Amino acid sequence: EALAARRGLELAVETGFRNIVLESDSQILITALREGSYSLSSFGHIVQDIKFIASYVSSINYTHVRRQCNALAHSLARRAKLAS
């Protein structure tokens, strides 16, 4: 999920979007992004990448959504997991 979020944010920045809502069905990821409590997590380095990329946009909101409402991101996360 974190890998998909990072790639999605990269694409948004490359495309020129500056006001972004990053949605995820991973409450752990959203909490880490909102609170900065990621340094000891197993995916902390990816969260740090996301925060760094986010520094290039005007505004970003991190939102938790139920998996049923987030089918696209879930699919991307599954592909990212298989690719790594």
C-alpha atoms as a PDB file:
ATOM      1  CA  GLU A   1       0.000   0.000   0.000  1.00  0.00           C
ATOM      2  CA  ALA A   2       2.841   2.365   0.847  1.00  0.00           C
ATOM      3  CA  LEU A   3       4.599   1.604  -2.450  1.00  0.00           C
ATOM      4  CA  ALA A   4       1.411   2.295  -4.407  1.00  0.00           C
ATOM      5  CA  ALA A   5       0.871   5.549  -2.522  1.00  0.00           C
ATOM      6  CA  ARG A   6       4.425   6.673  -3.267  1.00  0.00           C
ATOM      7  CA  ARG A   7       4.118   5.857  -6.969  1.00  0.00           C
ATOM      8  CA  GLY A   8       0.723   7.510  -7.230  1.00  0.00           C
ATOM      9  CA  LEU A   9       2.071  10.653  -5.615  1.00  0.00           C
ATOM     10  CA  GLU A  10       5.093  10.622  -7.942  1.00  0.00           C
ATOM     11  CA  LEU A  11       2.774  10.436 -10.944  1.00  0.00           C
ATOM     12  CA  ALA A  12       0.606  13.250  -9.623  1.00  0.00           C
ATOM     13  CA  VAL A  13       3.637  15.516  -9.117  1.00  0.00           C
ATOM     14  CA  GLU A  14       5.105  14.613 -12.527  1.00  0.00           C
ATOM     15  CA  THR A  15       1.758  15.432 -14.120  1.00  0.00           C
ATOM     16  CA  GLY A  16       1.686  18.841 -12.457  1.00  0.00           C
ATOM     17  CA  PHE A  17      -0.952  18.388  -9.786  1.00  0.00           C
ATOM     18  CA  ARG A  18      -0.342  20.629  -6.776  1.00  0.00           C
ATOM     19  CA  ASN A  19      -3.400  19.990  -4.550  1.00  0.00           C
ATOM     20  CA  ILE A  20      -3.617  16.299  -3.734  1.00  0.00           C
ATOM     21  CA  VAL A  21      -5.725  13.942  -1.664  1.00  0.00           C
ATOM     22  CA  LEU A  22      -3.882  10.702  -0.988  1.00  0.00           C
ATOM     23  CA  GLU A  23      -6.356   7.973  -0.062  1.00  0.00           C
ATOM     24  CA  SER A  24      -5.477   4.586   1.383  1.00  0.00           C
ATOM     25  CA  ASP A  25      -7.299   1.733   3.048  1.00  0.00           C
ATOM     26  CA  SER A  26      -4.296   1.258   5.340  1.00  0.00           C
ATOM     27  CA  GLN A  27      -5.005   3.073   8.589  1.00  0.00           C
ATOM     28  CA  ILE A  28      -1.417   2.400   9.689  1.00  0.00           C
ATOM     29  CA  LEU A  29      -0.039   4.165   6.615  1.00  0.00           C
ATOM     30  CA  ILE A  30      -2.372   7.151   6.936  1.00  0.00           C
ATOM     31  CA  THR A  31      -1.549   7.523  10.641  1.00  0.00           C
ATOM     32  CA  ALA A  32       2.177   7.361   9.874  1.00  0.00           C
ATOM     33  CA  LEU A  33       1.815  10.040   7.186  1.00  0.00           C
ATOM     34  CA  ARG A  34      -0.327  12.321   9.339  1.00  0.00           C
ATOM     35  CA  GLU A  35       1.630  12.004  12.568  1.00  0.00           C
ATOM     36  CA  GLY A  36       5.127  11.365  11.294  1.00  0.00           C
ATOM     37  CA  SER A  37       5.323   8.224  13.442  1.00  0.00           C
ATOM     38  CA  TYR A  38       7.048   6.116  10.838  1.00  0.00           C
ATOM     39  CA  SER A  39      10.718   6.008  11.675  1.00  0.00           C
ATOM     40  CA  LEU A  40      10.604   2.583  13.349  1.00  0.00           C
ATOM     41  CA  SER A  41       8.045   0.958  11.085  1.00  0.00           C
ATOM     42  CA  SER A  42       9.057  -1.649   8.524  1.00  0.00           C
ATOM     43  CA  PHE A  43       7.991   0.723   5.749  1.00  0.00           C
ATOM     44  CA  GLY A  44       9.325   3.908   7.343  1.00  0.00           C
ATOM     45  CA  HIS A  45      11.728   4.589   4.481  1.00  0.00           C
ATOM     46  CA  ILE A  46       8.805   4.573   2.020  1.00  0.00           C
ATOM     47  CA  VAL A  47       6.798   6.928   4.227  1.00  0.00           C
ATOM     48  CA  GLN A  48       9.820   9.239   4.334  1.00  0.00           C
ATOM     49  CA  ASP A  49       9.907   9.168   0.517  1.00  0.00           C
ATOM     50  CA  ILE A  50       6.199  10.042   0.396  1.00  0.00           C
ATOM     51  CA  LYS A  51       6.698  12.966   2.784  1.00  0.00           C
ATOM     52  CA  PHE A  52       9.645  14.193   0.685  1.00  0.00           C
ATOM     53  CA  ILE A  53       7.670  14.004  -2.568  1.00  0.00           C
ATOM     54  CA  ALA A  54       4.750  15.721  -0.835  1.00  0.00           C
ATOM     55  CA  SER A  55       7.008  18.694  -0.110  1.00  0.00           C
ATOM     56  CA  TYR A  56       6.756  19.558  -3.828  1.00  0.00           C
ATOM     57  CA  VAL A  57       2.986  20.122  -3.759  1.00  0.00           C
ATOM     58  CA  SER A  58       0.967  23.059  -2.458  1.00  0.00           C
ATOM     59  CA  SER A  59      -1.329  20.956  -0.307  1.00  0.00           C
ATOM     60  CA  ILE A  60      -1.838  17.309   0.492  1.00  0.00           C
ATOM     61  CA  ASN A  61      -4.447  15.562   2.611  1.00  0.00           C
ATOM     62  CA  TYR A  62      -4.053  11.984   3.788  1.00  0.00           C
ATOM     63  CA  THR A  63      -7.392  10.181   4.017  1.00  0.00           C
ATOM     64  CA  HIS A  64      -8.321   6.714   5.201  1.00  0.00           C
ATOM     65  CA  VAL A  65     -11.058   5.003   3.186  1.00  0.00           C
ATOM     66  CA  ARG A  66     -12.562   1.542   3.456  1.00  0.00           C
ATOM     67  CA  ARG A  67     -11.150  -1.020   1.045  1.00  0.00           C
ATOM     68  CA  GLN A  68     -14.466  -1.253  -0.834  1.00  0.00           C
ATOM     69  CA  CYS A  69     -14.165   2.459  -1.635  1.00  0.00           C
ATOM     70  CA  ASN A  70     -10.539   2.170  -2.646  1.00  0.00           C
ATOM     71  CA  ALA A  71     -10.454  -0.621  -5.221  1.00  0.00           C
ATOM     72  CA  LEU A  72      -8.008   1.147  -7.553  1.00  0.00           C
ATOM     73  CA  ALA A  73      -5.428   1.803  -4.853  1.00  0.00           C
ATOM     74  CA  HIS A  74      -5.788  -1.742  -3.575  1.00  0.00           C
ATOM     75  CA  SER A  75      -5.105  -3.060  -7.069  1.00  0.00           C
ATOM     76  CA  LEU A  76      -2.054  -0.803  -7.438  1.00  0.00           C
ATOM     77  CA  ALA A  77      -0.734  -1.898  -4.048  1.00  0.00           C
ATOM     78  CA  ARG A  78      -1.086  -5.538  -5.044  1.00  0.00           C
ATOM     79  CA  ARG A  79       0.875  -4.883  -8.266  1.00  0.00           C
ATOM     80  CA  ALA A  80       3.550  -2.948  -6.407  1.00  0.00           C
ATOM     81  CA  LYS A  81       3.951  -5.796  -3.951  1.00  0.00           C
ATOM     82  CA  LEU A  82       4.375  -8.312  -6.771  1.00  0.00           C
ATOM     83  CA  ALA A  83       6.923  -6.083  -8.527  1.00  0.00           C
ATOM     84  CA  SER A  84       9.162  -5.667  -5.482  1.00  0.00           C
END
